[in-house]
Amino acid sequence: MTYPTRLTTHFRDDVDNQIAYWMDQGVAVSTVEGWLAELYDKIRRLENFPELYAIDEFQSKALDCETRKLNMGDHLVFYQLDYDQRQVIVLALIHGAARRQS
């Protein structure tokens, strides 16, 4: 059985902000497009394998709910599983350096 993914507004904003940052830095459009394709491929994979990635103990404790993390290069994607609704809720995209500061 599949778990459809739901992208939160916060996650979408995080992605938009990352793209805007790269565009301001002069990163090639093809590089950004490749990164986006890989990101959404990994997220789509969660539909069939929702427990594929490890539980993040820190975020789980902070959010008081089991939260998993998907590694995406220098970024982490945090998501939760709603077992009752059988869906993956994608919460946030965070740069690893920002995570170490928090």
N, C-alpha and C. Protein backbone atom coordinates (compact mmCIF):
# COMPACT_ATOMS: atom_id res chain seq x y z
N MET A 1 0.85 -1.19 0.00
CA MET A 1 0.00 0.00 0.00
C MET A 1 0.89 1.24 0.00
N THR A 2 0.49 2.23 -0.75
CA THR A 2 1.29 3.44 -0.86
C THR A 2 0.87 4.49 0.17
N TYR A 3 1.80 5.36 0.46
CA TYR A 3 1.59 6.50 1.35
C TYR A 3 1.76 7.77 0.52
N PRO A 4 0.69 8.41 0.08
CA PRO A 4 0.84 9.65 -0.68
C PRO A 4 1.61 10.69 0.14
N THR A 5 2.33 11.53 -0.55
CA THR A 5 3.09 12.58 0.14
C THR A 5 2.31 13.89 0.14
N ARG A 6 2.42 14.58 1.26
CA ARG A 6 1.84 15.92 1.38
C ARG A 6 2.98 16.87 1.73
N LEU A 7 3.20 17.85 0.88
CA LEU A 7 4.27 18.83 1.09
C LEU A 7 3.67 20.02 1.84
N THR A 8 4.22 20.32 3.01
CA THR A 8 3.72 21.46 3.77
C THR A 8 4.15 22.77 3.12
N THR A 9 3.45 23.82 3.46
CA THR A 9 3.80 25.16 2.98
C THR A 9 5.21 25.51 3.44
N HIS A 10 5.55 25.13 4.65
CA HIS A 10 6.89 25.42 5.18
C HIS A 10 7.96 24.76 4.30
N PHE A 11 7.76 23.51 3.94
CA PHE A 11 8.72 22.83 3.08
C PHE A 11 8.83 23.53 1.72
N ARG A 12 7.69 23.86 1.14
CA ARG A 12 7.70 24.53 -0.17
C ARG A 12 8.44 25.87 -0.09
N ASP A 13 8.22 26.61 1.00
CA ASP A 13 8.93 27.87 1.20
C ASP A 13 10.43 27.65 1.34
N ASP A 14 10.81 26.59 2.07
CA ASP A 14 12.23 26.27 2.24
C ASP A 14 12.89 26.00 0.88
N VAL A 15 12.20 25.24 0.04
CA VAL A 15 12.74 24.93 -1.30
C VAL A 15 12.85 26.21 -2.12
N ASP A 16 11.80 27.02 -2.11
CA ASP A 16 11.83 28.28 -2.86
C ASP A 16 12.97 29.18 -2.39
N ASN A 17 13.18 29.25 -1.08
CA ASN A 17 14.26 30.08 -0.53
C ASN A 17 15.63 29.55 -0.95
N GLN A 18 15.79 28.23 -0.98
CA GLN A 18 17.06 27.65 -1.40
C GLN A 18 17.33 27.97 -2.86
N ILE A 19 16.32 27.84 -3.70
CA ILE A 19 16.48 28.15 -5.12
C ILE A 19 16.82 29.63 -5.32
N ALA A 20 16.13 30.50 -4.60
CA ALA A 20 16.40 31.94 -4.70
C ALA A 20 17.84 32.24 -4.29
N TYR A 21 18.30 31.60 -3.23
CA TYR A 21 19.68 31.80 -2.77
C TYR A 21 20.66 31.39 -3.87
N TRP A 22 20.45 30.20 -4.44
CA TRP A 22 21.35 29.73 -5.49
C TRP A 22 21.32 30.64 -6.71
N MET A 23 20.16 31.13 -7.07
CA MET A 23 20.06 32.03 -8.22
C MET A 23 20.83 33.32 -7.94
N ASP A 24 20.71 33.84 -6.71
CA ASP A 24 21.48 35.03 -6.33
C ASP A 24 22.98 34.79 -6.37
N GLN A 25 23.38 33.54 -6.11
CA GLN A 25 24.80 33.18 -6.10
C GLN A 25 25.32 32.82 -7.49
N GLY A 26 24.44 32.81 -8.48
CA GLY A 26 24.86 32.52 -9.84
C GLY A 26 25.02 31.04 -10.15
N VAL A 27 24.37 30.19 -9.37
CA VAL A 27 24.44 28.75 -9.65
C VAL A 27 23.69 28.48 -10.96
N ALA A 28 24.24 27.60 -11.76
CA ALA A 28 23.65 27.29 -13.06
C ALA A 28 22.24 26.71 -12.90
N VAL A 29 21.36 27.14 -13.78
CA VAL A 29 19.98 26.66 -13.75
C VAL A 29 19.95 25.14 -13.88
N SER A 30 20.79 24.58 -14.71
CA SER A 30 20.81 23.12 -14.89
C SER A 30 21.18 22.40 -13.59
N THR A 31 22.05 23.00 -12.81
CA THR A 31 22.43 22.42 -11.52
C THR A 31 21.24 22.43 -10.56
N VAL A 32 20.54 23.54 -10.51
CA VAL A 32 19.37 23.66 -9.65
C VAL A 32 18.28 22.69 -10.09
N GLU A 33 18.05 22.60 -11.40
CA GLU A 33 17.04 21.67 -11.92
C GLU A 33 17.38 20.22 -11.57
N GLY A 34 18.65 19.87 -11.67
CA GLY A 34 19.09 18.52 -11.32
C GLY A 34 18.88 18.22 -9.85
N TRP A 35 19.18 19.20 -9.01
CA TRP A 35 18.99 19.05 -7.57
C TRP A 35 17.50 18.86 -7.26
N LEU A 36 16.66 19.69 -7.88
CA LEU A 36 15.21 19.57 -7.66
C LEU A 36 14.68 18.22 -8.11
N ALA A 37 15.14 17.74 -9.25
CA ALA A 37 14.69 16.44 -9.75
C ALA A 37 15.07 15.33 -8.77
N GLU A 38 16.28 15.39 -8.25
CA GLU A 38 16.73 14.38 -7.28
C GLU A 38 15.92 14.48 -5.99
N LEU A 39 15.68 15.70 -5.52
CA LEU A 39 14.90 15.91 -4.30
C LEU A 39 13.52 15.29 -4.43
N TYR A 40 12.82 15.62 -5.50
CA TYR A 40 11.46 15.12 -5.66
C TYR A 40 11.42 13.62 -5.98
N ASP A 41 12.46 13.08 -6.61
CA ASP A 41 12.54 11.63 -6.80
C ASP A 41 12.63 10.92 -5.45
N LYS A 42 13.46 11.45 -4.56
CA LYS A 42 13.59 10.85 -3.23
C LYS A 42 12.28 10.95 -2.45
N ILE A 43 11.62 12.07 -2.57
CA ILE A 43 10.34 12.24 -1.87
C ILE A 43 9.29 11.27 -2.44
N ARG A 44 9.25 11.13 -3.75
CA ARG A 44 8.30 10.19 -4.38
C ARG A 44 8.57 8.75 -3.93
N ARG A 45 9.83 8.42 -3.72
CA ARG A 45 10.20 7.07 -3.27
C ARG A 45 9.57 6.76 -1.90
N LEU A 46 9.31 7.80 -1.11
CA LEU A 46 8.70 7.60 0.20
C LEU A 46 7.29 7.04 0.10
N GLU A 47 6.63 7.26 -1.03
CA GLU A 47 5.27 6.74 -1.20
C GLU A 47 5.23 5.22 -1.05
N ASN A 48 6.26 4.56 -1.53
CA ASN A 48 6.32 3.09 -1.44
C ASN A 48 7.17 2.60 -0.27
N PHE A 49 8.08 3.44 0.20
CA PHE A 49 8.98 3.05 1.28
C PHE A 49 9.03 4.16 2.34
N PRO A 50 7.92 4.40 3.03
CA PRO A 50 7.85 5.55 3.95
C PRO A 50 8.82 5.47 5.14
N GLU A 51 9.24 4.28 5.49
CA GLU A 51 10.15 4.13 6.63
C GLU A 51 11.60 3.94 6.17
N LEU A 52 11.89 4.36 4.94
CA LEU A 52 13.20 4.15 4.34
C LEU A 52 14.32 4.85 5.11
N TYR A 53 14.04 6.04 5.62
CA TYR A 53 15.09 6.83 6.27
C TYR A 53 14.97 6.78 7.79
N ALA A 54 16.08 7.08 8.43
CA ALA A 54 16.18 6.95 9.89
C ALA A 54 15.33 7.96 10.65
N ILE A 55 14.96 7.55 11.83
CA ILE A 55 14.28 8.46 12.76
C ILE A 55 15.32 9.43 13.30
N ASP A 56 14.98 10.70 13.35
CA ASP A 56 15.85 11.72 13.92
C ASP A 56 15.40 11.96 15.36
N GLU A 57 16.19 11.50 16.29
CA GLU A 57 15.81 11.58 17.71
C GLU A 57 15.64 13.02 18.18
N PHE A 58 16.52 13.91 17.74
CA PHE A 58 16.46 15.31 18.16
C PHE A 58 15.15 15.96 17.72
N GLN A 59 14.83 15.83 16.41
CA GLN A 59 13.61 16.44 15.90
C GLN A 59 12.37 15.75 16.47
N SER A 60 12.44 14.44 16.64
CA SER A 60 11.30 13.72 17.21
C SER A 60 10.98 14.24 18.60
N LYS A 61 12.01 14.45 19.38
CA LYS A 61 11.81 14.97 20.74
C LYS A 61 11.29 16.42 20.68
N ALA A 62 11.89 17.23 19.82
CA ALA A 62 11.50 18.64 19.72
C ALA A 62 10.06 18.80 19.26
N LEU A 63 9.62 17.94 18.35
CA LEU A 63 8.27 18.03 17.80
C LEU A 63 7.27 17.12 18.51
N ASP A 64 7.78 16.31 19.43
CA ASP A 64 6.95 15.37 20.18
C ASP A 64 6.18 14.42 19.25
N CYS A 65 6.87 14.02 18.18
CA CYS A 65 6.28 13.11 17.20
C CYS A 65 7.44 12.48 16.41
N GLU A 66 7.33 11.18 16.15
CA GLU A 66 8.38 10.52 15.37
C GLU A 66 8.61 11.27 14.06
N THR A 67 9.84 11.71 13.87
CA THR A 67 10.23 12.49 12.69
C THR A 67 11.44 11.83 12.07
N ARG A 68 11.39 11.66 10.78
CA ARG A 68 12.48 11.03 10.04
C ARG A 68 13.23 12.07 9.22
N LYS A 69 14.45 11.71 8.82
CA LYS A 69 15.25 12.64 8.02
C LYS A 69 15.78 11.93 6.79
N LEU A 70 15.67 12.64 5.69
CA LEU A 70 16.17 12.20 4.41
C LEU A 70 17.38 13.08 4.09
N ASN A 71 18.51 12.48 3.83
CA ASN A 71 19.71 13.24 3.49
C ASN A 71 19.68 13.60 2.02
N MET A 72 19.94 14.87 1.76
CA MET A 72 19.93 15.38 0.39
C MET A 72 21.15 16.28 0.22
N GLY A 73 22.32 15.66 0.09
CA GLY A 73 23.55 16.44 -0.02
C GLY A 73 23.81 17.20 1.26
N ASP A 74 23.91 18.52 1.16
CA ASP A 74 24.14 19.36 2.33
C ASP A 74 22.86 19.67 3.10
N HIS A 75 21.75 19.10 2.65
CA HIS A 75 20.45 19.41 3.25
C HIS A 75 19.83 18.17 3.89
N LEU A 76 18.93 18.44 4.80
CA LEU A 76 18.11 17.39 5.40
C LEU A 76 16.65 17.72 5.12
N VAL A 77 15.89 16.70 4.78
CA VAL A 77 14.44 16.83 4.62
C VAL A 77 13.82 16.09 5.79
N PHE A 78 13.01 16.79 6.56
CA PHE A 78 12.34 16.17 7.70
C PHE A 78 10.91 15.84 7.32
N TYR A 79 10.48 14.64 7.72
CA TYR A 79 9.12 14.22 7.41
C TYR A 79 8.57 13.33 8.53
N GLN A 80 7.27 13.24 8.55
CA GLN A 80 6.57 12.39 9.51
C GLN A 80 5.61 11.49 8.77
N LEU A 81 5.28 10.38 9.39
CA LEU A 81 4.30 9.45 8.84
C LEU A 81 3.01 9.57 9.63
N ASP A 82 1.93 9.74 8.92
CA ASP A 82 0.61 9.70 9.53
C ASP A 82 0.06 8.31 9.22
N TYR A 83 0.18 7.43 10.21
CA TYR A 83 -0.24 6.05 9.99
C TYR A 83 -1.75 5.93 9.85
N ASP A 84 -2.50 6.78 10.54
CA ASP A 84 -3.96 6.73 10.45
C ASP A 84 -4.44 7.13 9.06
N GLN A 85 -3.89 8.21 8.52
CA GLN A 85 -4.28 8.69 7.19
C GLN A 85 -3.45 8.05 6.08
N ARG A 86 -2.45 7.26 6.48
CA ARG A 86 -1.54 6.59 5.53
C ARG A 86 -0.94 7.58 4.54
N GLN A 87 -0.24 8.58 5.11
CA GLN A 87 0.42 9.56 4.26
C GLN A 87 1.75 9.99 4.86
N VAL A 88 2.61 10.50 4.01
CA VAL A 88 3.89 11.08 4.39
C VAL A 88 3.70 12.59 4.39
N ILE A 89 4.08 13.23 5.48
CA ILE A 89 3.98 14.68 5.58
C ILE A 89 5.41 15.24 5.58
N VAL A 90 5.76 15.94 4.52
CA VAL A 90 7.10 16.51 4.38
C VAL A 90 7.09 17.88 5.04
N LEU A 91 7.91 18.04 6.09
CA LEU A 91 7.85 19.21 6.96
C LEU A 91 8.78 20.34 6.57
N ALA A 92 10.04 20.01 6.30
CA ALA A 92 11.03 21.09 6.15
C ALA A 92 12.25 20.61 5.40
N LEU A 93 12.94 21.57 4.80
CA LEU A 93 14.24 21.38 4.18
C LEU A 93 15.19 22.30 4.91
N ILE A 94 16.23 21.72 5.48
CA ILE A 94 17.16 22.51 6.29
C ILE A 94 18.59 22.23 5.83
N HIS A 95 19.37 23.28 5.66
CA HIS A 95 20.78 23.12 5.34
C HIS A 95 21.48 22.57 6.57
N GLY A 96 22.38 21.62 6.38
CA GLY A 96 23.08 20.97 7.48
C GLY A 96 23.81 21.94 8.39
N ALA A 97 24.38 23.00 7.84
CA ALA A 97 25.09 23.98 8.66
C ALA A 97 24.12 24.69 9.61
N ALA A 98 22.92 24.96 9.14
CA ALA A 98 21.91 25.60 10.00
C ALA A 98 21.51 24.67 11.12
N ARG A 99 21.46 23.37 10.85
CA ARG A 99 21.09 22.37 11.87
C ARG A 99 22.14 22.34 12.96
N ARG A 100 23.41 22.41 12.60
CA ARG A 100 24.47 22.35 13.61
C ARG A 100 24.44 23.55 14.53
N GLN A 101 23.96 24.70 14.04
CA GLN A 101 23.90 25.90 14.86
C GLN A 101 22.76 25.88 15.86
N SER A 102 21.73 25.09 15.57
CA SER A 102 20.56 25.08 16.46
C SER A 102 20.73 24.13 17.61
